[in-house]
Amino acid sequence: MNTNNKYIERLKKASRLSTGTRKALMAWDNSIQWPDELELSEILWQEEVGDFLDTLRRAGVKSFVCTYQGTGLMKNMHAFKAHGCTLIGLCTLTRKYSFEEKDIPGVRFSLN
């Protein structure tokens, strides 16, 4: 993942952004410390999915991993598919924190 992205930097300076775009920026910022993969760790409301995915596509992101484990996951997965994403499969992200290492289960999607 290219962490020096001009499109993302322009968005960060914008005053009016949709909630979906703001969540894409938060996922981007949270993923910078692990630049191998963009991670979505929270739920997206149905009206946010299109802007979220559009923001990632315009930033050149090719895939992301959804690690959200709540009750809305199935709706998000179907919304991703409806917006042109392909479910690649189950995966595990390993995150190294200062005192421990955690394996986080996720589902990888291609943005197509």
PDB file of N, CA and C in Angstrom:
ATOM      1  N   MET A   1       0.848  -1.175   0.000  1.00  0.00           N
ATOM      2  CA  MET A   1       0.000   0.000   0.000  1.00  0.00           C
ATOM      3  C   MET A   1       0.894   1.239   0.000  1.00  0.00           C
ATOM      4  N   ASN A   2       0.666   2.108  -0.960  1.00  0.00           N
ATOM      5  CA  ASN A   2       1.440   3.348  -1.048  1.00  0.00           C
ATOM      6  C   ASN A   2       0.932   4.318   0.016  1.00  0.00           C
ATOM      7  N   THR A   3       1.723   4.556   1.049  1.00  0.00           N
ATOM      8  CA  THR A   3       1.275   5.424   2.148  1.00  0.00           C
ATOM      9  C   THR A   3       1.451   6.906   1.835  1.00  0.00           C
ATOM     10  N   ASN A   4       2.102   7.238   0.731  1.00  0.00           N
ATOM     11  CA  ASN A   4       2.271   8.621   0.313  1.00  0.00           C
ATOM     12  C   ASN A   4       1.372   8.844  -0.901  1.00  0.00           C
ATOM     13  N   ASN A   5       0.107   9.133  -0.660  1.00  0.00           N
ATOM     14  CA  ASN A   5      -0.896   9.175  -1.708  1.00  0.00           C
ATOM     15  C   ASN A   5      -1.466  10.590  -1.826  1.00  0.00           C
ATOM     16  N   LYS A   6      -1.287  11.213  -2.978  1.00  0.00           N
ATOM     17  CA  LYS A   6      -1.721  12.598  -3.173  1.00  0.00           C
ATOM     18  C   LYS A   6      -3.239  12.746  -3.087  1.00  0.00           C
ATOM     19  N   TYR A   7      -3.961  11.773  -3.598  1.00  0.00           N
ATOM     20  CA  TYR A   7      -5.430  11.832  -3.530  1.00  0.00           C
ATOM     21  C   TYR A   7      -5.904  11.837  -2.078  1.00  0.00           C
ATOM     22  N   ILE A   8      -5.349  10.946  -1.275  1.00  0.00           N
ATOM     23  CA  ILE A   8      -5.713  10.872   0.150  1.00  0.00           C
ATOM     24  C   ILE A   8      -5.353  12.178   0.848  1.00  0.00           C
ATOM     25  N   GLU A   9      -4.194  12.716   0.563  1.00  0.00           N
ATOM     26  CA  GLU A   9      -3.774  13.967   1.204  1.00  0.00           C
ATOM     27  C   GLU A   9      -4.701  15.121   0.839  1.00  0.00           C
ATOM     28  N   ARG A  10      -5.172  15.170  -0.405  1.00  0.00           N
ATOM     29  CA  ARG A  10      -6.140  16.206  -0.800  1.00  0.00           C
ATOM     30  C   ARG A  10      -7.456  16.046  -0.036  1.00  0.00           C
ATOM     31  N   LEU A  11      -7.914  14.804   0.095  1.00  0.00           N
ATOM     32  CA  LEU A  11      -9.161  14.563   0.823  1.00  0.00           C
ATOM     33  C   LEU A  11      -9.062  15.002   2.277  1.00  0.00           C
ATOM     34  N   LYS A  12      -7.918  14.781   2.890  1.00  0.00           N
ATOM     35  CA  LYS A  12      -7.739  15.141   4.297  1.00  0.00           C
ATOM     36  C   LYS A  12      -7.871  16.638   4.525  1.00  0.00           C
ATOM     37  N   LYS A  13      -7.644  17.433   3.481  1.00  0.00           N
ATOM     38  CA  LYS A  13      -7.756  18.881   3.603  1.00  0.00           C
ATOM     39  C   LYS A  13      -9.152  19.395   3.279  1.00  0.00           C
ATOM     40  N   ALA A  14     -10.009  18.534   2.754  1.00  0.00           N
ATOM     41  CA  ALA A  14     -11.359  18.943   2.364  1.00  0.00           C
ATOM     42  C   ALA A  14     -12.221  19.188   3.598  1.00  0.00           C
ATOM     43  N   SER A  15     -13.119  20.135   3.483  1.00  0.00           N
ATOM     44  CA  SER A  15     -13.963  20.474   4.634  1.00  0.00           C
ATOM     45  C   SER A  15     -15.250  19.655   4.675  1.00  0.00           C
ATOM     46  N   ARG A  16     -15.745  19.232   3.540  1.00  0.00           N
ATOM     47  CA  ARG A  16     -16.988  18.464   3.505  1.00  0.00           C
ATOM     48  C   ARG A  16     -16.736  17.114   2.846  1.00  0.00           C
ATOM     49  N   LEU A  17     -16.905  16.080   3.629  1.00  0.00           N
ATOM     50  CA  LEU A  17     -16.730  14.725   3.126  1.00  0.00           C
ATOM     51  C   LEU A  17     -17.893  13.870   3.600  1.00  0.00           C
ATOM     52  N   SER A  18     -18.266  12.896   2.802  1.00  0.00           N
ATOM     53  CA  SER A  18     -19.314  11.967   3.233  1.00  0.00           C
ATOM     54  C   SER A  18     -18.773  11.083   4.358  1.00  0.00           C
ATOM     55  N   THR A  19     -19.672  10.479   5.081  1.00  0.00           N
ATOM     56  CA  THR A  19     -19.259   9.591   6.172  1.00  0.00           C
ATOM     57  C   THR A  19     -18.476   8.403   5.625  1.00  0.00           C
ATOM     58  N   GLY A  20     -18.881   7.876   4.482  1.00  0.00           N
ATOM     59  CA  GLY A  20     -18.151   6.759   3.875  1.00  0.00           C
ATOM     60  C   GLY A  20     -16.724   7.135   3.524  1.00  0.00           C
ATOM     61  N   THR A  21     -16.539   8.342   2.992  1.00  0.00           N
ATOM     62  CA  THR A  21     -15.194   8.817   2.669  1.00  0.00           C
ATOM     63  C   THR A  21     -14.374   9.022   3.933  1.00  0.00           C
ATOM     64  N   ARG A  22     -14.999   9.589   4.974  1.00  0.00           N
ATOM     65  CA  ARG A  22     -14.275   9.763   6.246  1.00  0.00           C
ATOM     66  C   ARG A  22     -13.842   8.420   6.822  1.00  0.00           C
ATOM     67  N   LYS A  23     -14.697   7.411   6.720  1.00  0.00           N
ATOM     68  CA  LYS A  23     -14.321   6.085   7.234  1.00  0.00           C
ATOM     69  C   LYS A  23     -13.196   5.475   6.403  1.00  0.00           C
ATOM     70  N   ALA A  24     -13.166   5.747   5.107  1.00  0.00           N
ATOM     71  CA  ALA A  24     -12.055   5.269   4.274  1.00  0.00           C
ATOM     72  C   ALA A  24     -10.750   5.934   4.712  1.00  0.00           C
ATOM     73  N   LEU A  25     -10.813   7.229   5.011  1.00  0.00           N
ATOM     74  CA  LEU A  25      -9.619   7.937   5.494  1.00  0.00           C
ATOM     75  C   LEU A  25      -9.157   7.398   6.840  1.00  0.00           C
ATOM     76  N   MET A  26     -10.103   7.085   7.728  1.00  0.00           N
ATOM     77  CA  MET A  26      -9.728   6.510   9.027  1.00  0.00           C
ATOM     78  C   MET A  26      -9.081   5.142   8.844  1.00  0.00           C
ATOM     79  N   ALA A  27      -9.643   4.315   7.961  1.00  0.00           N
ATOM     80  CA  ALA A  27      -9.053   2.999   7.702  1.00  0.00           C
ATOM     81  C   ALA A  27      -7.654   3.160   7.114  1.00  0.00           C
ATOM     82  N   TRP A  28      -7.499   4.139   6.227  1.00  0.00           N
ATOM     83  CA  TRP A  28      -6.184   4.423   5.633  1.00  0.00           C
ATOM     84  C   TRP A  28      -5.182   4.798   6.723  1.00  0.00           C
ATOM     85  N   ASP A  29      -5.566   5.757   7.557  1.00  0.00           N
ATOM     86  CA  ASP A  29      -4.661   6.217   8.619  1.00  0.00           C
ATOM     87  C   ASP A  29      -4.325   5.103   9.599  1.00  0.00           C
ATOM     88  N   ASN A  30      -5.308   4.290   9.944  1.00  0.00           N
ATOM     89  CA  ASN A  30      -5.061   3.183  10.874  1.00  0.00           C
ATOM     90  C   ASN A  30      -4.175   2.112  10.263  1.00  0.00           C
ATOM     91  N   SER A  31      -4.188   1.992   8.950  1.00  0.00           N
ATOM     92  CA  SER A  31      -3.415   0.947   8.278  1.00  0.00           C
ATOM     93  C   SER A  31      -1.984   1.361   7.964  1.00  0.00           C
ATOM     94  N   ILE A  32      -1.662   2.630   8.112  1.00  0.00           N
ATOM     95  CA  ILE A  32      -0.310   3.092   7.764  1.00  0.00           C
ATOM     96  C   ILE A  32       0.762   2.404   8.598  1.00  0.00           C
ATOM     97  N   GLN A  33       0.447   2.091   9.850  1.00  0.00           N
ATOM     98  CA  GLN A  33       1.460   1.425  10.671  1.00  0.00           C
ATOM     99  C   GLN A  33       1.713  -0.008  10.214  1.00  0.00           C
ATOM    100  N   TRP A  34       0.809  -0.580   9.420  1.00  0.00           N
ATOM    101  CA  TRP A  34       0.991  -1.902   8.811  1.00  0.00           C
ATOM    102  C   TRP A  34       0.696  -1.756   7.334  1.00  0.00           C
ATOM    103  N   PRO A  35       1.641  -1.238   6.559  1.00  0.00           N
ATOM    104  CA  PRO A  35       1.353  -0.864   5.176  1.00  0.00           C
ATOM    105  C   PRO A  35       1.137  -2.018   4.202  1.00  0.00           C
ATOM    106  N   ASP A  36       1.158  -3.268   4.682  1.00  0.00           N
ATOM    107  CA  ASP A  36       0.973  -4.384   3.773  1.00  0.00           C
ATOM    108  C   ASP A  36      -0.466  -4.529   3.298  1.00  0.00           C
ATOM    109  N   GLU A  37      -1.421  -4.055   4.085  1.00  0.00           N
ATOM    110  CA  GLU A  37      -2.828  -4.276   3.750  1.00  0.00           C
ATOM    111  C   GLU A  37      -3.705  -3.235   4.418  1.00  0.00           C
ATOM    112  N   LEU A  38      -4.699  -2.733   3.679  1.00  0.00           N
ATOM    113  CA  LEU A  38      -5.656  -1.815   4.275  1.00  0.00           C
ATOM    114  C   LEU A  38      -6.677  -2.639   5.056  1.00  0.00           C
ATOM    115  N   GLU A  39      -6.911  -2.248   6.300  1.00  0.00           N
ATOM    116  CA  GLU A  39      -7.808  -2.999   7.178  1.00  0.00           C
ATOM    117  C   GLU A  39      -9.022  -2.155   7.555  1.00  0.00           C
ATOM    118  N   LEU A  40     -10.205  -2.720   7.337  1.00  0.00           N
ATOM    119  CA  LEU A  40     -11.454  -2.114   7.784  1.00  0.00           C
ATOM    120  C   LEU A  40     -11.884  -2.854   9.036  1.00  0.00           C
ATOM    121  N   SER A  41     -11.868  -2.167  10.170  1.00  0.00           N
ATOM    122  CA  SER A  41     -12.161  -2.840  11.437  1.00  0.00           C
ATOM    123  C   SER A  41     -13.488  -2.411  12.045  1.00  0.00           C
ATOM    124  N   GLU A  42     -14.278  -1.633  11.305  1.00  0.00           N
ATOM    125  CA  GLU A  42     -15.567  -1.199  11.843  1.00  0.00           C
ATOM    126  C   GLU A  42     -16.666  -1.388  10.815  1.00  0.00           C
ATOM    127  N   ILE A  43     -17.887  -1.288  11.281  1.00  0.00           N
ATOM    128  CA  ILE A  43     -19.047  -1.471  10.405  1.00  0.00           C
ATOM    129  C   ILE A  43     -19.240  -0.262   9.508  1.00  0.00           C
ATOM    130  N   LEU A  44     -19.711  -0.517   8.303  1.00  0.00           N
ATOM    131  CA  LEU A  44     -20.155   0.544   7.414  1.00  0.00           C
ATOM    132  C   LEU A  44     -21.669   0.450   7.308  1.00  0.00           C
ATOM    133  N   TRP A  45     -22.347   1.564   7.429  1.00  0.00           N
ATOM    134  CA  TRP A  45     -23.781   1.592   7.176  1.00  0.00           C
ATOM    135  C   TRP A  45     -23.966   1.485   5.668  1.00  0.00           C
ATOM    136  N   GLN A  46     -25.082   0.967   5.250  1.00  0.00           N
ATOM    137  CA  GLN A  46     -25.321   0.708   3.834  1.00  0.00           C
ATOM    138  C   GLN A  46     -25.103   1.950   2.965  1.00  0.00           C
ATOM    139  N   GLU A  47     -25.491   3.109   3.466  1.00  0.00           N
ATOM    140  CA  GLU A  47     -25.345   4.338   2.676  1.00  0.00           C
ATOM    141  C   GLU A  47     -23.895   4.833   2.606  1.00  0.00           C
ATOM    142  N   GLU A  48     -23.000   4.224   3.363  1.00  0.00           N
ATOM    143  CA  GLU A  48     -21.590   4.623   3.373  1.00  0.00           C
ATOM    144  C   GLU A  48     -20.719   3.787   2.444  1.00  0.00           C
ATOM    145  N   VAL A  49     -21.198   2.602   2.083  1.00  0.00           N
ATOM    146  CA  VAL A  49     -20.369   1.633   1.365  1.00  0.00           C
ATOM    147  C   VAL A  49     -19.855   2.177   0.029  1.00  0.00           C
ATOM    148  N   GLY A  50     -20.726   2.784  -0.774  1.00  0.00           N
ATOM    149  CA  GLY A  50     -20.320   3.280  -2.091  1.00  0.00           C
ATOM    150  C   GLY A  50     -19.201   4.296  -2.014  1.00  0.00           C
ATOM    151  N   ASP A  51     -19.348   5.294  -1.140  1.00  0.00           N
ATOM    152  CA  ASP A  51     -18.305   6.323  -1.003  1.00  0.00           C
ATOM    153  C   ASP A  51     -17.020   5.733  -0.432  1.00  0.00           C
ATOM    154  N   PHE A  52     -17.146   4.807   0.514  1.00  0.00           N
ATOM    155  CA  PHE A  52     -15.974   4.147   1.091  1.00  0.00           C
ATOM    156  C   PHE A  52     -15.162   3.455  -0.010  1.00  0.00           C
ATOM    157  N   LEU A  53     -15.842   2.621  -0.809  1.00  0.00           N
ATOM    158  CA  LEU A  53     -15.148   1.873  -1.853  1.00  0.00           C
ATOM    159  C   LEU A  53     -14.626   2.780  -2.959  1.00  0.00           C
ATOM    160  N   ASP A  54     -15.398   3.791  -3.328  1.00  0.00           N
ATOM    161  CA  ASP A  54     -14.958   4.740  -4.353  1.00  0.00           C
ATOM    162  C   ASP A  54     -13.681   5.466  -3.912  1.00  0.00           C
ATOM    163  N   THR A  55     -13.622   5.858  -2.657  1.00  0.00           N
ATOM    164  CA  THR A  55     -12.426   6.524  -2.129  1.00  0.00           C
ATOM    165  C   THR A  55     -11.211   5.616  -2.214  1.00  0.00           C
ATOM    166  N   LEU A  56     -11.379   4.359  -1.831  1.00  0.00           N
ATOM    167  CA  LEU A  56     -10.254   3.418  -1.899  1.00  0.00           C
ATOM    168  C   LEU A  56      -9.815   3.201  -3.343  1.00  0.00           C
ATOM    169  N   ARG A  57     -10.773   3.042  -4.243  1.00  0.00           N
ATOM    170  CA  ARG A  57     -10.429   2.832  -5.652  1.00  0.00           C
ATOM    171  C   ARG A  57      -9.658   4.025  -6.214  1.00  0.00           C
ATOM    172  N   ARG A  58     -10.134   5.226  -5.936  1.00  0.00           N
ATOM    173  CA  ARG A  58      -9.466   6.435  -6.456  1.00  0.00           C
ATOM    174  C   ARG A  58      -8.066   6.595  -5.863  1.00  0.00           C
ATOM    175  N   ALA A  59      -7.858   6.043  -4.672  1.00  0.00           N
ATOM    176  CA  ALA A  59      -6.538   6.097  -4.035  1.00  0.00           C
ATOM    177  C   ALA A  59      -5.615   4.996  -4.554  1.00  0.00           C
ATOM    178  N   GLY A  60      -6.142   4.117  -5.408  1.00  0.00           N
ATOM    179  CA  GLY A  60      -5.306   3.065  -5.983  1.00  0.00           C
ATOM    180  C   GLY A  60      -5.226   1.797  -5.159  1.00  0.00           C
ATOM    181  N   VAL A  61      -6.075   1.671  -4.153  1.00  0.00           N
ATOM    182  CA  VAL A  61      -6.079   0.459  -3.329  1.00  0.00           C
ATOM    183  C   VAL A  61      -6.669  -0.682  -4.156  1.00  0.00           C
ATOM    184  N   LYS A  62      -6.025  -1.831  -4.145  1.00  0.00           N
ATOM    185  CA  LYS A  62      -6.475  -2.984  -4.931  1.00  0.00           C
ATOM    186  C   LYS A  62      -7.281  -3.983  -4.105  1.00  0.00           C
ATOM    187  N   SER A  63      -7.018  -4.024  -2.799  1.00  0.00           N
ATOM    188  CA  SER A  63      -7.744  -4.961  -1.940  1.00  0.00           C
ATOM    189  C   SER A  63      -7.749  -4.427  -0.513  1.00  0.00           C
ATOM    190  N   PHE A  64      -8.629  -4.978   0.293  1.00  0.00           N
ATOM    191  CA  PHE A  64      -8.677  -4.630   1.711  1.00  0.00           C
ATOM    192  C   PHE A  64      -9.148  -5.847   2.486  1.00  0.00           C
ATOM    193  N   VAL A  65      -8.885  -5.815   3.784  1.00  0.00           N
ATOM    194  CA  VAL A  65      -9.315  -6.899   4.665  1.00  0.00           C
ATOM    195  C   VAL A  65     -10.299  -6.333   5.673  1.00  0.00           C
ATOM    196  N   CYS A  66     -11.463  -6.945   5.742  1.00  0.00           N
ATOM    197  CA  CYS A  66     -12.473  -6.561   6.719  1.00  0.00           C
ATOM    198  C   CYS A  66     -12.289  -7.442   7.951  1.00  0.00           C
ATOM    199  N   THR A  67     -11.976  -6.818   9.082  1.00  0.00           N
ATOM    200  CA  THR A  67     -11.773  -7.566  10.321  1.00  0.00           C
ATOM    201  C   THR A  67     -12.894  -7.319  11.328  1.00  0.00           C
ATOM    202  N   TYR A  68     -13.906  -6.567  10.912  1.00  0.00           N
ATOM    203  CA  TYR A  68     -15.063  -6.323  11.780  1.00  0.00           C
ATOM    204  C   TYR A  68     -15.753  -7.657  12.056  1.00  0.00           C
ATOM    205  N   GLN A  69     -16.151  -7.893  13.311  1.00  0.00           N
ATOM    206  CA  GLN A  69     -16.736  -9.182  13.675  1.00  0.00           C
ATOM    207  C   GLN A  69     -18.153  -9.068  14.229  1.00  0.00           C
ATOM    208  N   GLY A  70     -18.779  -7.921  14.057  1.00  0.00           N
ATOM    209  CA  GLY A  70     -20.113  -7.709  14.611  1.00  0.00           C
ATOM    210  C   GLY A  70     -21.226  -8.264  13.745  1.00  0.00           C
ATOM    211  N   THR A  71     -22.439  -7.986  14.179  1.00  0.00           N
ATOM    212  CA  THR A  71     -23.619  -8.557  13.537  1.00  0.00           C
ATOM    213  C   THR A  71     -23.893  -7.987  12.150  1.00  0.00           C
ATOM    214  N   GLY A  72     -23.334  -6.852  11.796  1.00  0.00           N
ATOM    215  CA  GLY A  72     -23.564  -6.260  10.482  1.00  0.00           C
ATOM    216  C   GLY A  72     -22.611  -6.741   9.405  1.00  0.00           C
ATOM    217  N   LEU A  73     -21.729  -7.664   9.735  1.00  0.00           N
ATOM    218  CA  LEU A  73     -20.716  -8.109   8.777  1.00  0.00           C
ATOM    219  C   LEU A  73     -21.345  -8.685   7.511  1.00  0.00           C
ATOM    220  N   MET A  74     -22.360  -9.520   7.644  1.00  0.00           N
ATOM    221  CA  MET A  74     -22.959 -10.153   6.470  1.00  0.00           C
ATOM    222  C   MET A  74     -23.558  -9.113   5.527  1.00  0.00           C
ATOM    223  N   LYS A  75     -24.212  -8.093   6.080  1.00  0.00           N
ATOM    224  CA  LYS A  75     -24.770  -7.030   5.235  1.00  0.00           C
ATOM    225  C   LYS A  75     -23.659  -6.277   4.518  1.00  0.00           C
ATOM    226  N   ASN A  76     -22.549  -6.012   5.215  1.00  0.00           N
ATOM    227  CA  ASN A  76     -21.417  -5.344   4.573  1.00  0.00           C
ATOM    228  C   ASN A  76     -20.844  -6.201   3.453  1.00  0.00           C
ATOM    229  N   MET A  77     -20.710  -7.493   3.677  1.00  0.00           N
ATOM    230  CA  MET A  77     -20.153  -8.371   2.652  1.00  0.00           C
ATOM    231  C   MET A  77     -21.018  -8.354   1.391  1.00  0.00           C
ATOM    232  N   HIS A  78     -22.328  -8.390   1.565  1.00  0.00           N
ATOM    233  CA  HIS A  78     -23.226  -8.341   0.409  1.00  0.00           C
ATOM    234  C   HIS A  78     -23.173  -6.978  -0.278  1.00  0.00           C
ATOM    235  N   ALA A  79     -23.039  -5.914   0.505  1.00  0.00           N
ATOM    236  CA  ALA A  79     -22.933  -4.569  -0.071  1.00  0.00           C
ATOM    237  C   ALA A  79     -21.626  -4.419  -0.853  1.00  0.00           C
ATOM    238  N   PHE A  80     -20.526  -4.986  -0.346  1.00  0.00           N
ATOM    239  CA  PHE A  80     -19.263  -4.942  -1.080  1.00  0.00           C
ATOM    240  C   PHE A  80     -19.424  -5.613  -2.447  1.00  0.00           C
ATOM    241  N   LYS A  81     -20.063  -6.776  -2.452  1.00  0.00           N
ATOM    242  CA  LYS A  81     -20.290  -7.494  -3.711  1.00  0.00           C
ATOM    243  C   LYS A  81     -21.168  -6.674  -4.645  1.00  0.00           C
ATOM    244  N   ALA A  82     -22.228  -6.069  -4.126  1.00  0.00           N
ATOM    245  CA  ALA A  82     -23.130  -5.255  -4.946  1.00  0.00           C
ATOM    246  C   ALA A  82     -22.418  -4.047  -5.551  1.00  0.00           C
ATOM    247  N   HIS A  83     -21.348  -3.596  -4.905  1.00  0.00           N
ATOM    248  CA  HIS A  83     -20.569  -2.454  -5.404  1.00  0.00           C
ATOM    249  C   HIS A  83     -19.330  -2.900  -6.186  1.00  0.00           C
ATOM    250  N   GLY A  84     -19.323  -4.143  -6.653  1.00  0.00           N
ATOM    251  CA  GLY A  84     -18.282  -4.599  -7.557  1.00  0.00           C
ATOM    252  C   GLY A  84     -17.067  -5.254  -6.951  1.00  0.00           C
ATOM    253  N   CYS A  85     -17.072  -5.495  -5.648  1.00  0.00           N
ATOM    254  CA  CYS A  85     -15.931  -6.167  -5.015  1.00  0.00           C
ATOM    255  C   CYS A  85     -16.051  -7.681  -5.184  1.00  0.00           C
ATOM    256  N   THR A  86     -14.920  -8.345  -5.135  1.00  0.00           N
ATOM    257  CA  THR A  86     -14.871  -9.800  -5.169  1.00  0.00           C
ATOM    258  C   THR A  86     -14.322 -10.307  -3.857  1.00  0.00           C
ATOM    259  N   LEU A  87     -15.017 -11.259  -3.260  1.00  0.00           N
ATOM    260  CA  LEU A  87     -14.532 -11.887  -2.038  1.00  0.00           C
ATOM    261  C   LEU A  87     -13.400 -12.832  -2.429  1.00  0.00           C
ATOM    262  N   ILE A  88     -12.213 -12.550  -1.920  1.00  0.00           N
ATOM    263  CA  ILE A  88     -11.056 -13.397  -2.217  1.00  0.00           C
ATOM    264  C   ILE A  88     -11.027 -14.584  -1.268  1.00  0.00           C
ATOM    265  N   GLY A  89     -11.260 -14.341   0.020  1.00  0.00           N
ATOM    266  CA  GLY A  89     -11.295 -15.449   0.967  1.00  0.00           C
ATOM    267  C   GLY A  89     -10.938 -15.023   2.376  1.00  0.00           C
ATOM    268  N   LEU A  90     -10.930 -15.999   3.235  1.00  0.00           N
ATOM    269  CA  LEU A  90     -10.576 -15.774   4.632  1.00  0.00           C
ATOM    270  C   LEU A  90      -9.068 -15.587   4.757  1.00  0.00           C
ATOM    271  N   CYS A  91      -8.673 -14.797   5.733  1.00  0.00           N
ATOM    272  CA  CYS A  91      -7.255 -14.565   5.955  1.00  0.00           C
ATOM    273  C   CYS A  91      -7.028 -14.207   7.425  1.00  0.00           C
ATOM    274  N   THR A  92      -5.791 -14.098   7.792  1.00  0.00           N
ATOM    275  CA  THR A  92      -5.413 -13.686   9.140  1.00  0.00           C
ATOM    276  C   THR A  92      -4.347 -12.614   9.027  1.00  0.00           C
ATOM    277  N   LEU A  93      -4.570 -11.502   9.691  1.00  0.00           N
ATOM    278  CA  LEU A  93      -3.561 -10.447   9.759  1.00  0.00           C
ATOM    279  C   LEU A  93      -2.825 -10.590  11.083  1.00  0.00           C
ATOM    280  N   THR A  94      -1.515 -10.570  11.038  1.00  0.00           N
ATOM    281  CA  THR A  94      -0.716 -10.619  12.257  1.00  0.00           C
ATOM    282  C   THR A  94      -0.277  -9.204  12.588  1.00  0.00           C
ATOM    283  N   ARG A  95      -0.598  -8.782  13.772  1.00  0.00           N
ATOM    284  CA  ARG A  95      -0.258  -7.435  14.221  1.00  0.00           C
ATOM    285  C   ARG A  95       0.673  -7.527  15.411  1.00  0.00           C
ATOM    286  N   LYS A  96       1.806  -6.858  15.310  1.00  0.00           N
ATOM    287  CA  LYS A  96       2.781  -6.857  16.398  1.00  0.00           C
ATOM    288  C   LYS A  96       2.651  -5.548  17.165  1.00  0.00           C
ATOM    289  N   TYR A  97       2.265  -5.664  18.397  1.00  0.00           N
ATOM    290  CA  TYR A  97       2.175  -4.505  19.279  1.00  0.00           C
ATOM    291  C   TYR A  97       3.408  -4.507  20.171  1.00  0.00           C
ATOM    292  N   SER A  98       3.578  -3.496  20.984  1.00  0.00           N
ATOM    293  CA  SER A  98       4.798  -3.381  21.778  1.00  0.00           C
ATOM    294  C   SER A  98       5.015  -4.562  22.722  1.00  0.00           C
ATOM    295  N   PHE A  99       3.944  -5.144  23.249  1.00  0.00           N
ATOM    296  CA  PHE A  99       4.116  -6.231  24.221  1.00  0.00           C
ATOM    297  C   PHE A  99       3.581  -7.574  23.755  1.00  0.00           C
ATOM    298  N   GLU A 100       2.929  -7.594  22.614  1.00  0.00           N
ATOM    299  CA  GLU A 100       2.345  -8.864  22.177  1.00  0.00           C
ATOM    300  C   GLU A 100       2.131  -8.864  20.668  1.00  0.00           C
ATOM    301  N   GLU A 101       1.857 -10.049  20.166  1.00  0.00           N
ATOM    302  CA  GLU A 101       1.524 -10.237  18.769  1.00  0.00           C
ATOM    303  C   GLU A 101       0.132 -10.847  18.711  1.00  0.00           C
ATOM    304  N   LYS A 102      -0.712 -10.335  17.823  1.00  0.00           N
ATOM    305  CA  LYS A 102      -2.079 -10.838  17.720  1.00  0.00           C
ATOM    306  C   LYS A 102      -2.368 -11.269  16.289  1.00  0.00           C
ATOM    307  N   ASP A 103      -3.071 -12.368  16.178  1.00  0.00           N
ATOM    308  CA  ASP A 103      -3.597 -12.809  14.894  1.00  0.00           C
ATOM    309  C   ASP A 103      -5.055 -12.385  14.828  1.00  0.00           C
ATOM    310  N   ILE A 104      -5.397 -11.623  13.803  1.00  0.00           N
ATOM    311  CA  ILE A 104      -6.743 -11.078  13.667  1.00  0.00           C
ATOM    312  C   ILE A 104      -7.398 -11.721  12.449  1.00  0.00           C
ATOM    313  N   PRO A 105      -8.515 -12.437  12.640  1.00  0.00           N
ATOM    314  CA  PRO A 105      -9.200 -13.046  11.496  1.00  0.00           C
ATOM    315  C   PRO A 105      -9.882 -11.993  10.639  1.00  0.00           C
ATOM    316  N   GLY A 106      -9.866 -12.220   9.337  1.00  0.00           N
ATOM    317  CA  GLY A 106     -10.502 -11.256   8.431  1.00  0.00           C
ATOM    318  C   GLY A 106     -10.973 -11.914   7.147  1.00  0.00           C
ATOM    319  N   VAL A 107     -11.611 -11.087   6.327  1.00  0.00           N
ATOM    320  CA  VAL A 107     -12.075 -11.508   5.010  1.00  0.00           C
ATOM    321  C   VAL A 107     -11.486 -10.526   4.003  1.00  0.00           C
ATOM    322  N   ARG A 108     -10.751 -11.044   3.013  1.00  0.00           N
ATOM    323  CA  ARG A 108     -10.099 -10.187   2.025  1.00  0.00           C
ATOM    324  C   ARG A 108     -11.010 -10.007   0.809  1.00  0.00           C
ATOM    325  N   PHE A 109     -11.101  -8.746   0.364  1.00  0.00           N
ATOM    326  CA  PHE A 109     -11.875  -8.388  -0.821  1.00  0.00           C
ATOM    327  C   PHE A 109     -10.980  -7.686  -1.823  1.00  0.00           C
ATOM    328  N   SER A 110     -11.216  -7.969  -3.097  1.00  0.00           N
ATOM    329  CA  SER A 110     -10.569  -7.239  -4.181  1.00  0.00           C
ATOM    330  C   SER A 110     -11.519  -6.136  -4.611  1.00  0.00           C
ATOM    331  N   LEU A 111     -10.974  -4.945  -4.890  1.00  0.00           N
ATOM    332  CA  LEU A 111     -11.809  -3.819  -5.310  1.00  0.00           C
ATOM    333  C   LEU A 111     -12.137  -3.846  -6.800  1.00  0.00           C
ATOM    334  N   ASN A 112     -11.442  -4.654  -7.580  1.00  0.00           N
ATOM    335  CA  ASN A 112     -11.660  -4.798  -9.031  1.00  0.00           C
ATOM    336  C   ASN A 112     -11.527  -3.496  -9.752  1.00  0.00           C
TER     337      ASN A 112
END
